[in-house]
Amino acid sequence: MKKKKQIAEEIEEAVETAVEEVTEAVAEEVLEENKEASEQEQALAGEKERYLRLAAEYENYRKRSQKEREDLQNYIRADVAAKFLPVYDNLERAVLTETEDEAFFKGVEMTMAQLSEIFESLGISKIPAVGETFNPELHNAVFHIEDAAYGESEIVEQFLTGFMLGDKVLRHSVVKVAN
């Protein structure tokens, strides 16, 4: 009976030892799997952050490229318009000159109107002058008169039309200023 009891105790000890060993092995395996999962989660988080940074860099590049294209288009538009300003000036002088040839005058007026429409379609506008208050950012004063009939710094005559492209001055208006 002692033998049976001893055998039962030995079996029980062996089972307990086996259960402890299996439990430890499973616990180590779970810890290892958790460690691997944690490493994979960290790697995934790193890749996600890298992706987000790359997406942000691409968006910034796209916006910067778009702005550069728009700036280049505005620069080209301003450059081309500046080359046509002397043509506009000559047509303006021709319209102001009296002539007896009505057909010639009508042709010059039509050409002037067409050039003005082209300027408007390009976003180029005339700078208002006569009757306006002198603004050194828009006007270039070449004459100054004292006359009580006009207000202070009032533009009384325009010698050369000024133009703007958006907020950029292509050419200042050349004017005569009172008071």
N, C-alpha and C. Protein backbone atom coordinates (compact mmCIF):
# COMPACT_ATOMS: atom_id res chain seq x y z
N MET A 1 0.80 -1.15 0.00
CA MET A 1 0.00 0.00 0.00
C MET A 1 0.86 1.25 0.00
N LYS A 2 1.96 1.08 0.69
CA LYS A 2 2.89 2.19 0.69
C LYS A 2 3.42 2.41 -0.70
N LYS A 3 3.57 1.33 -1.36
CA LYS A 3 4.09 1.43 -2.70
C LYS A 3 3.11 2.15 -3.59
N LYS A 4 1.86 1.81 -3.42
CA LYS A 4 0.84 2.46 -4.24
C LYS A 4 0.78 3.94 -3.90
N LYS A 5 0.86 4.22 -2.59
CA LYS A 5 0.82 5.60 -2.16
C LYS A 5 2.04 6.34 -2.67
N GLN A 6 3.16 5.71 -2.61
CA GLN A 6 4.40 6.31 -3.07
C GLN A 6 4.35 6.51 -4.57
N ILE A 7 3.81 5.54 -5.29
CA ILE A 7 3.71 5.64 -6.75
C ILE A 7 2.73 6.77 -7.09
N ALA A 8 1.65 6.85 -6.34
CA ALA A 8 0.66 7.90 -6.59
C ALA A 8 1.27 9.27 -6.33
N GLU A 9 2.08 9.36 -5.28
CA GLU A 9 2.74 10.63 -4.97
C GLU A 9 3.75 10.98 -6.05
N GLU A 10 4.47 10.00 -6.51
CA GLU A 10 5.46 10.23 -7.57
C GLU A 10 4.75 10.66 -8.85
N ILE A 11 3.63 10.02 -9.14
CA ILE A 11 2.86 10.37 -10.34
C ILE A 11 2.33 11.80 -10.18
N GLU A 12 1.82 12.08 -8.99
CA GLU A 12 1.28 13.42 -8.75
C GLU A 12 2.38 14.46 -8.88
N GLU A 13 3.57 14.17 -8.35
CA GLU A 13 4.70 15.10 -8.46
C GLU A 13 5.12 15.24 -9.91
N ALA A 14 5.13 14.15 -10.64
CA ALA A 14 5.51 14.17 -12.05
C ALA A 14 4.49 15.00 -12.84
N VAL A 15 3.21 14.81 -12.52
CA VAL A 15 2.15 15.57 -13.21
C VAL A 15 2.31 17.05 -12.88
N GLU A 16 2.52 17.37 -11.60
CA GLU A 16 2.70 18.78 -11.20
C GLU A 16 3.91 19.38 -11.89
N THR A 17 5.01 18.64 -11.93
CA THR A 17 6.23 19.11 -12.60
C THR A 17 5.96 19.31 -14.08
N ALA A 18 5.27 18.37 -14.69
CA ALA A 18 4.96 18.46 -16.12
C ALA A 18 4.05 19.65 -16.38
N VAL A 19 3.05 19.85 -15.50
CA VAL A 19 2.13 20.98 -15.66
C VAL A 19 2.90 22.29 -15.50
N GLU A 20 3.81 22.35 -14.52
CA GLU A 20 4.61 23.56 -14.32
C GLU A 20 5.48 23.83 -15.54
N GLU A 21 6.12 22.78 -16.07
CA GLU A 21 6.99 22.93 -17.23
C GLU A 21 6.18 23.39 -18.45
N VAL A 22 5.01 22.77 -18.65
CA VAL A 22 4.16 23.14 -19.78
C VAL A 22 3.66 24.57 -19.60
N THR A 23 3.27 24.93 -18.36
CA THR A 23 2.78 26.27 -18.08
C THR A 23 3.87 27.29 -18.35
N GLU A 24 5.09 26.98 -17.88
CA GLU A 24 6.22 27.88 -18.12
C GLU A 24 6.51 28.00 -19.62
N ALA A 25 6.48 26.88 -20.32
CA ALA A 25 6.75 26.89 -21.77
C ALA A 25 5.68 27.71 -22.50
N VAL A 26 4.41 27.49 -22.11
CA VAL A 26 3.31 28.24 -22.75
C VAL A 26 3.45 29.73 -22.42
N ALA A 27 3.78 30.05 -21.16
CA ALA A 27 3.93 31.44 -20.75
C ALA A 27 5.07 32.10 -21.53
N GLU A 28 6.19 31.37 -21.68
CA GLU A 28 7.32 31.90 -22.45
C GLU A 28 6.91 32.10 -23.91
N GLU A 29 6.16 31.15 -24.45
CA GLU A 29 5.70 31.24 -25.83
C GLU A 29 4.77 32.45 -26.01
N VAL A 30 3.86 32.63 -25.05
CA VAL A 30 2.93 33.77 -25.11
C VAL A 30 3.71 35.07 -24.99
N LEU A 31 4.68 35.12 -24.06
CA LEU A 31 5.50 36.32 -23.92
C LEU A 31 6.26 36.60 -25.21
N GLU A 32 6.81 35.58 -25.83
CA GLU A 32 7.54 35.73 -27.08
C GLU A 32 6.61 36.23 -28.20
N GLU A 33 5.41 35.65 -28.26
CA GLU A 33 4.43 36.08 -29.27
C GLU A 33 4.01 37.52 -29.02
N ASN A 34 3.79 37.89 -27.73
CA ASN A 34 3.44 39.26 -27.40
C ASN A 34 4.57 40.22 -27.77
N LYS A 35 5.80 39.78 -27.52
CA LYS A 35 6.96 40.60 -27.87
C LYS A 35 7.02 40.80 -29.38
N GLU A 36 6.81 39.73 -30.14
CA GLU A 36 6.81 39.82 -31.60
C GLU A 36 5.67 40.72 -32.08
N ALA A 37 4.49 40.56 -31.47
CA ALA A 37 3.34 41.39 -31.85
C ALA A 37 3.63 42.86 -31.54
N SER A 38 4.25 43.12 -30.39
CA SER A 38 4.60 44.48 -30.02
C SER A 38 5.61 45.06 -31.01
N GLU A 39 6.60 44.27 -31.39
CA GLU A 39 7.60 44.72 -32.37
C GLU A 39 6.93 44.99 -33.71
N GLN A 40 5.99 44.13 -34.09
CA GLN A 40 5.28 44.33 -35.36
C GLN A 40 4.39 45.58 -35.30
N GLU A 41 3.75 45.79 -34.15
CA GLU A 41 2.94 47.00 -33.98
C GLU A 41 3.81 48.24 -34.07
N GLN A 42 5.00 48.21 -33.45
CA GLN A 42 5.93 49.34 -33.52
C GLN A 42 6.38 49.56 -34.97
N ALA A 43 6.69 48.47 -35.66
CA ALA A 43 7.11 48.58 -37.05
C ALA A 43 5.97 49.16 -37.90
N LEU A 44 4.76 48.70 -37.65
CA LEU A 44 3.59 49.21 -38.38
C LEU A 44 3.38 50.69 -38.08
N ALA A 45 3.51 51.07 -36.83
CA ALA A 45 3.36 52.49 -36.45
C ALA A 45 4.44 53.33 -37.13
N GLY A 46 5.66 52.81 -37.19
CA GLY A 46 6.74 53.52 -37.87
C GLY A 46 6.46 53.69 -39.36
N GLU A 47 5.96 52.64 -39.99
CA GLU A 47 5.63 52.70 -41.43
C GLU A 47 4.46 53.65 -41.67
N LYS A 48 3.49 53.64 -40.75
CA LYS A 48 2.35 54.54 -40.89
C LYS A 48 2.81 55.99 -40.80
N GLU A 49 3.69 56.27 -39.84
CA GLU A 49 4.22 57.63 -39.68
C GLU A 49 5.02 58.03 -40.92
N ARG A 50 5.81 57.11 -41.43
CA ARG A 50 6.59 57.37 -42.65
C ARG A 50 5.66 57.66 -43.82
N TYR A 51 4.57 56.90 -43.94
CA TYR A 51 3.58 57.11 -45.00
C TYR A 51 2.95 58.49 -44.87
N LEU A 52 2.55 58.87 -43.65
CA LEU A 52 1.92 60.16 -43.43
C LEU A 52 2.87 61.31 -43.76
N ARG A 53 4.13 61.16 -43.39
CA ARG A 53 5.13 62.19 -43.72
C ARG A 53 5.30 62.30 -45.23
N LEU A 54 5.37 61.17 -45.90
CA LEU A 54 5.53 61.16 -47.35
C LEU A 54 4.32 61.78 -48.03
N ALA A 55 3.12 61.48 -47.55
CA ALA A 55 1.90 62.07 -48.10
C ALA A 55 1.89 63.58 -47.89
N ALA A 56 2.33 64.04 -46.72
CA ALA A 56 2.38 65.48 -46.43
C ALA A 56 3.42 66.16 -47.33
N GLU A 57 4.58 65.52 -47.51
CA GLU A 57 5.61 66.07 -48.39
C GLU A 57 5.09 66.18 -49.82
N TYR A 58 4.37 65.17 -50.28
CA TYR A 58 3.82 65.19 -51.63
C TYR A 58 2.80 66.32 -51.77
N GLU A 59 1.95 66.49 -50.78
CA GLU A 59 0.94 67.55 -50.82
C GLU A 59 1.61 68.92 -50.86
N ASN A 60 2.65 69.10 -50.05
CA ASN A 60 3.40 70.37 -50.06
C ASN A 60 4.06 70.59 -51.42
N TYR A 61 4.63 69.54 -52.00
CA TYR A 61 5.25 69.64 -53.32
C TYR A 61 4.21 70.03 -54.36
N ARG A 62 3.04 69.41 -54.31
CA ARG A 62 1.97 69.70 -55.27
C ARG A 62 1.53 71.17 -55.16
N LYS A 63 1.34 71.65 -53.94
CA LYS A 63 0.93 73.03 -53.73
C LYS A 63 2.02 74.00 -54.20
N ARG A 64 3.27 73.69 -53.86
CA ARG A 64 4.39 74.54 -54.26
C ARG A 64 4.51 74.59 -55.78
N SER A 65 4.35 73.45 -56.43
CA SER A 65 4.42 73.39 -57.90
C SER A 65 3.29 74.19 -58.53
N GLN A 66 2.09 74.08 -57.98
CA GLN A 66 0.95 74.84 -58.50
C GLN A 66 1.21 76.34 -58.37
N LYS A 67 1.73 76.77 -57.21
CA LYS A 67 2.02 78.19 -57.00
C LYS A 67 3.11 78.65 -57.95
N GLU A 68 4.13 77.84 -58.16
CA GLU A 68 5.20 78.21 -59.09
C GLU A 68 4.66 78.35 -60.51
N ARG A 69 3.76 77.44 -60.91
CA ARG A 69 3.15 77.54 -62.25
C ARG A 69 2.36 78.83 -62.39
N GLU A 70 1.55 79.14 -61.36
CA GLU A 70 0.76 80.37 -61.40
C GLU A 70 1.65 81.60 -61.44
N ASP A 71 2.72 81.61 -60.64
CA ASP A 71 3.66 82.73 -60.65
C ASP A 71 4.31 82.89 -62.01
N LEU A 72 4.69 81.76 -62.62
CA LEU A 72 5.31 81.80 -63.95
C LEU A 72 4.32 82.34 -64.98
N GLN A 73 3.07 81.89 -64.91
CA GLN A 73 2.05 82.38 -65.85
C GLN A 73 1.85 83.88 -65.68
N ASN A 74 1.79 84.36 -64.44
CA ASN A 74 1.63 85.79 -64.19
C ASN A 74 2.84 86.57 -64.69
N TYR A 75 4.02 86.03 -64.49
CA TYR A 75 5.24 86.69 -64.95
C TYR A 75 5.24 86.80 -66.48
N ILE A 76 4.88 85.72 -67.16
CA ILE A 76 4.83 85.73 -68.63
C ILE A 76 3.75 86.70 -69.11
N ARG A 77 2.60 86.66 -68.47
CA ARG A 77 1.50 87.56 -68.83
C ARG A 77 1.94 89.02 -68.67
N ALA A 78 2.61 89.33 -67.58
CA ALA A 78 3.07 90.70 -67.33
C ALA A 78 4.13 91.10 -68.35
N ASP A 79 5.02 90.19 -68.67
CA ASP A 79 6.09 90.47 -69.64
C ASP A 79 5.51 90.75 -71.02
N VAL A 80 4.57 89.92 -71.46
CA VAL A 80 3.94 90.12 -72.77
C VAL A 80 3.16 91.42 -72.78
N ALA A 81 2.40 91.68 -71.73
CA ALA A 81 1.60 92.90 -71.66
C ALA A 81 2.50 94.14 -71.70
N ALA A 82 3.61 94.09 -71.00
CA ALA A 82 4.54 95.23 -70.98
C ALA A 82 5.06 95.54 -72.39
N LYS A 83 5.22 94.51 -73.21
CA LYS A 83 5.69 94.72 -74.58
C LYS A 83 4.60 95.33 -75.47
N PHE A 84 3.34 95.16 -75.09
CA PHE A 84 2.23 95.73 -75.87
C PHE A 84 1.83 97.13 -75.39
N LEU A 85 2.35 97.58 -74.26
CA LEU A 85 1.98 98.90 -73.75
C LEU A 85 2.34 100.04 -74.71
N PRO A 86 3.50 100.02 -75.37
CA PRO A 86 3.78 101.09 -76.35
C PRO A 86 2.78 101.08 -77.52
N VAL A 87 2.32 99.90 -77.92
CA VAL A 87 1.30 99.81 -78.97
C VAL A 87 0.02 100.47 -78.48
N TYR A 88 -0.36 100.19 -77.25
CA TYR A 88 -1.55 100.80 -76.66
C TYR A 88 -1.41 102.32 -76.64
N ASP A 89 -0.23 102.80 -76.21
CA ASP A 89 0.01 104.25 -76.15
C ASP A 89 -0.16 104.89 -77.52
N ASN A 90 0.41 104.27 -78.55
CA ASN A 90 0.30 104.83 -79.90
C ASN A 90 -1.15 104.82 -80.39
N LEU A 91 -1.88 103.76 -80.11
CA LEU A 91 -3.29 103.72 -80.50
C LEU A 91 -4.09 104.78 -79.74
N GLU A 92 -3.77 104.98 -78.47
CA GLU A 92 -4.46 106.00 -77.67
C GLU A 92 -4.20 107.39 -78.26
N ARG A 93 -2.96 107.65 -78.65
CA ARG A 93 -2.63 108.94 -79.27
C ARG A 93 -3.36 109.09 -80.60
N ALA A 94 -3.44 108.01 -81.37
CA ALA A 94 -4.12 108.06 -82.66
C ALA A 94 -5.61 108.35 -82.49
N VAL A 95 -6.23 107.78 -81.46
CA VAL A 95 -7.65 108.03 -81.20
C VAL A 95 -7.86 109.49 -80.81
N LEU A 96 -6.92 110.08 -80.08
CA LEU A 96 -7.06 111.46 -79.64
C LEU A 96 -6.74 112.46 -80.75
N THR A 97 -6.09 112.01 -81.81
CA THR A 97 -5.74 112.89 -82.93
C THR A 97 -6.93 113.04 -83.87
N GLU A 98 -7.21 114.27 -84.25
CA GLU A 98 -8.33 114.53 -85.15
C GLU A 98 -7.93 114.17 -86.58
N THR A 99 -8.88 113.57 -87.29
CA THR A 99 -8.65 113.20 -88.68
C THR A 99 -9.96 113.35 -89.45
N GLU A 100 -9.83 113.63 -90.73
CA GLU A 100 -11.02 113.76 -91.57
C GLU A 100 -11.42 112.43 -92.18
N ASP A 101 -10.51 111.47 -92.15
CA ASP A 101 -10.80 110.14 -92.71
C ASP A 101 -11.54 109.31 -91.66
N GLU A 102 -12.85 109.27 -91.79
CA GLU A 102 -13.70 108.61 -90.80
C GLU A 102 -13.43 107.10 -90.74
N ALA A 103 -13.20 106.46 -91.88
CA ALA A 103 -12.94 105.01 -91.91
C ALA A 103 -11.64 104.68 -91.18
N PHE A 104 -10.62 105.50 -91.38
CA PHE A 104 -9.34 105.30 -90.69
C PHE A 104 -9.54 105.43 -89.19
N PHE A 105 -10.26 106.47 -88.77
CA PHE A 105 -10.51 106.70 -87.36
C PHE A 105 -11.27 105.53 -86.75
N LYS A 106 -12.28 105.03 -87.46
CA LYS A 106 -13.08 103.90 -86.98
C LYS A 106 -12.20 102.66 -86.82
N GLY A 107 -11.30 102.43 -87.77
CA GLY A 107 -10.39 101.28 -87.69
C GLY A 107 -9.46 101.36 -86.50
N VAL A 108 -8.94 102.55 -86.23
CA VAL A 108 -8.06 102.75 -85.07
C VAL A 108 -8.85 102.53 -83.78
N GLU A 109 -10.08 103.04 -83.71
CA GLU A 109 -10.92 102.84 -82.53
C GLU A 109 -11.20 101.36 -82.30
N MET A 110 -11.50 100.64 -83.37
CA MET A 110 -11.78 99.20 -83.25
C MET A 110 -10.55 98.43 -82.78
N THR A 111 -9.38 98.80 -83.30
CA THR A 111 -8.13 98.15 -82.88
C THR A 111 -7.86 98.43 -81.41
N MET A 112 -8.09 99.68 -81.01
CA MET A 112 -7.89 100.07 -79.61
C MET A 112 -8.84 99.29 -78.71
N ALA A 113 -10.10 99.17 -79.12
CA ALA A 113 -11.09 98.43 -78.32
C ALA A 113 -10.70 96.96 -78.21
N GLN A 114 -10.21 96.39 -79.30
CA GLN A 114 -9.82 94.98 -79.29
C GLN A 114 -8.63 94.76 -78.37
N LEU A 115 -7.65 95.66 -78.42
CA LEU A 115 -6.49 95.53 -77.53
C LEU A 115 -6.92 95.67 -76.07
N SER A 116 -7.84 96.57 -75.79
CA SER A 116 -8.35 96.74 -74.42
C SER A 116 -9.06 95.47 -73.95
N GLU A 117 -9.84 94.84 -74.83
CA GLU A 117 -10.52 93.58 -74.47
C GLU A 117 -9.51 92.47 -74.18
N ILE A 118 -8.46 92.43 -74.97
CA ILE A 118 -7.41 91.41 -74.74
C ILE A 118 -6.76 91.64 -73.38
N PHE A 119 -6.45 92.90 -73.07
CA PHE A 119 -5.86 93.21 -71.76
C PHE A 119 -6.80 92.76 -70.64
N GLU A 120 -8.09 93.06 -70.77
CA GLU A 120 -9.07 92.66 -69.74
C GLU A 120 -9.13 91.15 -69.59
N SER A 121 -9.08 90.43 -70.72
CA SER A 121 -9.14 88.97 -70.64
C SER A 121 -7.91 88.38 -69.96
N LEU A 122 -6.80 89.11 -70.00
CA LEU A 122 -5.57 88.66 -69.34
C LEU A 122 -5.51 89.12 -67.88
N GLY A 123 -6.54 89.85 -67.44
CA GLY A 123 -6.56 90.33 -66.05
C GLY A 123 -5.80 91.63 -65.87
N ILE A 124 -5.56 92.35 -66.96
CA ILE A 124 -4.81 93.61 -66.91
C ILE A 124 -5.82 94.75 -66.91
N SER A 125 -5.68 95.64 -65.94
CA SER A 125 -6.63 96.73 -65.81
C SER A 125 -5.90 98.08 -65.79
N LYS A 126 -6.62 99.12 -66.21
CA LYS A 126 -6.07 100.48 -66.19
C LYS A 126 -6.08 100.98 -64.75
N ILE A 127 -5.10 101.79 -64.43
CA ILE A 127 -5.05 102.44 -63.12
C ILE A 127 -5.85 103.74 -63.23
N PRO A 128 -6.89 103.91 -62.40
CA PRO A 128 -7.66 105.16 -62.45
C PRO A 128 -6.76 106.34 -62.08
N ALA A 129 -6.95 107.48 -62.77
CA ALA A 129 -6.06 108.60 -62.51
C ALA A 129 -6.82 109.92 -62.32
N VAL A 130 -7.32 110.53 -63.38
CA VAL A 130 -7.90 111.87 -63.31
C VAL A 130 -9.07 111.88 -62.32
N GLY A 131 -8.97 112.84 -61.38
CA GLY A 131 -10.00 112.97 -60.35
C GLY A 131 -9.70 112.17 -59.10
N GLU A 132 -8.74 111.28 -59.16
CA GLU A 132 -8.37 110.44 -58.01
C GLU A 132 -7.33 111.17 -57.16
N THR A 133 -7.15 110.70 -55.94
CA THR A 133 -6.10 111.22 -55.07
C THR A 133 -4.78 110.56 -55.46
N PHE A 134 -3.72 111.35 -55.50
CA PHE A 134 -2.41 110.84 -55.89
C PHE A 134 -1.96 109.75 -54.94
N ASN A 135 -1.52 108.62 -55.51
CA ASN A 135 -0.99 107.50 -54.74
C ASN A 135 0.36 107.13 -55.35
N PRO A 136 1.46 107.35 -54.63
CA PRO A 136 2.79 107.09 -55.20
C PRO A 136 3.03 105.63 -55.59
N GLU A 137 2.20 104.72 -55.07
CA GLU A 137 2.35 103.32 -55.44
C GLU A 137 1.74 103.03 -56.81
N LEU A 138 0.85 103.93 -57.28
CA LEU A 138 0.17 103.73 -58.55
C LEU A 138 0.49 104.81 -59.57
N HIS A 139 0.87 106.00 -59.09
CA HIS A 139 1.04 107.15 -59.99
C HIS A 139 2.46 107.70 -59.90
N ASN A 140 2.88 108.31 -61.02
CA ASN A 140 4.17 108.99 -61.08
C ASN A 140 3.89 110.43 -61.46
N ALA A 141 4.09 111.36 -60.53
CA ALA A 141 3.80 112.77 -60.77
C ALA A 141 4.99 113.42 -61.47
N VAL A 142 4.70 114.04 -62.64
CA VAL A 142 5.76 114.73 -63.37
C VAL A 142 5.53 116.25 -63.38
N PHE A 143 4.31 116.66 -63.05
CA PHE A 143 3.99 118.09 -62.94
C PHE A 143 3.20 118.31 -61.66
N HIS A 144 3.35 119.54 -61.13
CA HIS A 144 2.60 119.91 -59.94
C HIS A 144 2.08 121.33 -60.15
N ILE A 145 0.79 121.54 -59.88
CA ILE A 145 0.22 122.88 -60.02
C ILE A 145 -0.50 123.26 -58.73
N GLU A 146 -0.59 124.57 -58.51
CA GLU A 146 -1.38 125.10 -57.39
C GLU A 146 -2.65 125.68 -57.99
N ASP A 147 -3.79 125.10 -57.63
CA ASP A 147 -5.07 125.57 -58.16
C ASP A 147 -6.15 125.30 -57.12
N ALA A 148 -6.82 126.36 -56.68
CA ALA A 148 -7.84 126.24 -55.65
C ALA A 148 -9.07 125.47 -56.14
N ALA A 149 -9.22 125.30 -57.44
CA ALA A 149 -10.37 124.59 -57.99
C ALA A 149 -10.27 123.09 -57.74
N TYR A 150 -9.10 122.59 -57.39
CA TYR A 150 -8.88 121.15 -57.18
C TYR A 150 -8.56 120.88 -55.72
N GLY A 151 -8.84 119.66 -55.29
CA GLY A 151 -8.52 119.25 -53.92
C GLY A 151 -7.04 118.97 -53.75
N GLU A 152 -6.67 118.68 -52.52
CA GLU A 152 -5.27 118.41 -52.22
C GLU A 152 -4.84 117.07 -52.81
N SER A 153 -3.73 117.06 -53.48
CA SER A 153 -3.14 115.87 -54.13
C SER A 153 -4.09 115.22 -55.13
N GLU A 154 -4.92 116.03 -55.76
CA GLU A 154 -5.85 115.52 -56.77
C GLU A 154 -5.16 115.48 -58.12
N ILE A 155 -5.36 114.39 -58.85
CA ILE A 155 -4.78 114.25 -60.18
C ILE A 155 -5.67 115.00 -61.16
N VAL A 156 -5.05 115.94 -61.91
CA VAL A 156 -5.83 116.78 -62.82
C VAL A 156 -5.62 116.39 -64.28
N GLU A 157 -4.53 115.69 -64.58
CA GLU A 157 -4.28 115.31 -65.97
C GLU A 157 -3.42 114.04 -65.99
N GLN A 158 -3.69 113.19 -66.97
CA GLN A 158 -2.91 111.96 -67.14
C GLN A 158 -2.18 112.03 -68.47
N PHE A 159 -0.87 111.83 -68.42
CA PHE A 159 -0.06 111.87 -69.64
C PHE A 159 0.16 110.48 -70.23
N LEU A 160 0.20 109.48 -69.36
CA LEU A 160 0.44 108.11 -69.79
C LEU A 160 -0.39 107.18 -68.90
N THR A 161 -1.15 106.30 -69.52
CA THR A 161 -2.03 105.39 -68.77
C THR A 161 -1.19 104.33 -68.05
N GLY A 162 -1.54 104.11 -66.79
CA GLY A 162 -0.88 103.06 -66.00
C GLY A 162 -1.70 101.78 -66.03
N PHE A 163 -1.04 100.64 -65.83
CA PHE A 163 -1.72 99.35 -65.88
C PHE A 163 -1.28 98.47 -64.71
N MET A 164 -2.22 97.59 -64.32
CA MET A 164 -1.95 96.63 -63.25
C MET A 164 -2.35 95.23 -63.72
N LEU A 165 -1.62 94.25 -63.24
CA LEU A 165 -1.99 92.84 -63.42
C LEU A 165 -2.28 92.32 -62.03
N GLY A 166 -3.56 92.19 -61.70
CA GLY A 166 -3.93 91.82 -60.33
C GLY A 166 -3.53 92.94 -59.40
N ASP A 167 -2.65 92.65 -58.45
CA ASP A 167 -2.15 93.66 -57.51
C ASP A 167 -0.80 94.22 -57.92
N LYS A 168 -0.24 93.72 -59.00
CA LYS A 168 1.09 94.13 -59.44
C LYS A 168 0.99 95.27 -60.46
N VAL A 169 1.74 96.34 -60.21
CA VAL A 169 1.76 97.47 -61.13
C VAL A 169 2.69 97.12 -62.29
N LEU A 170 2.13 97.14 -63.51
CA LEU A 170 2.96 96.93 -64.70
C LEU A 170 3.65 98.22 -65.11
N ARG A 171 2.89 99.32 -65.02
CA ARG A 171 3.44 100.64 -65.33
C ARG A 171 2.62 101.66 -64.55
N HIS A 172 3.31 102.60 -63.92
CA HIS A 172 2.64 103.67 -63.17
C HIS A 172 2.00 104.66 -64.14
N SER A 173 0.89 105.25 -63.72
CA SER A 173 0.29 106.33 -64.50
C SER A 173 1.15 107.56 -64.34
N VAL A 174 1.45 108.24 -65.46
CA VAL A 174 2.23 109.46 -65.43
C VAL A 174 1.23 110.62 -65.40
N VAL A 175 1.26 111.44 -64.34
CA VAL A 175 0.18 112.39 -64.09
C VAL A 175 0.68 113.77 -63.68
N LYS A 176 -0.28 114.73 -63.73
CA LYS A 176 -0.09 116.08 -63.19
C LYS A 176 -0.97 116.16 -61.94
N VAL A 177 -0.38 116.68 -60.83
CA VAL A 177 -1.06 116.70 -59.54
C VAL A 177 -1.27 118.14 -59.10
N ALA A 178 -2.42 118.41 -58.51
CA ALA A 178 -2.74 119.75 -58.00
C ALA A 178 -2.50 119.81 -56.49
N ASN A 179 -2.09 121.01 -56.07
CA ASN A 179 -1.95 121.36 -54.65
C ASN A 179 -1.04 120.41 -53.91
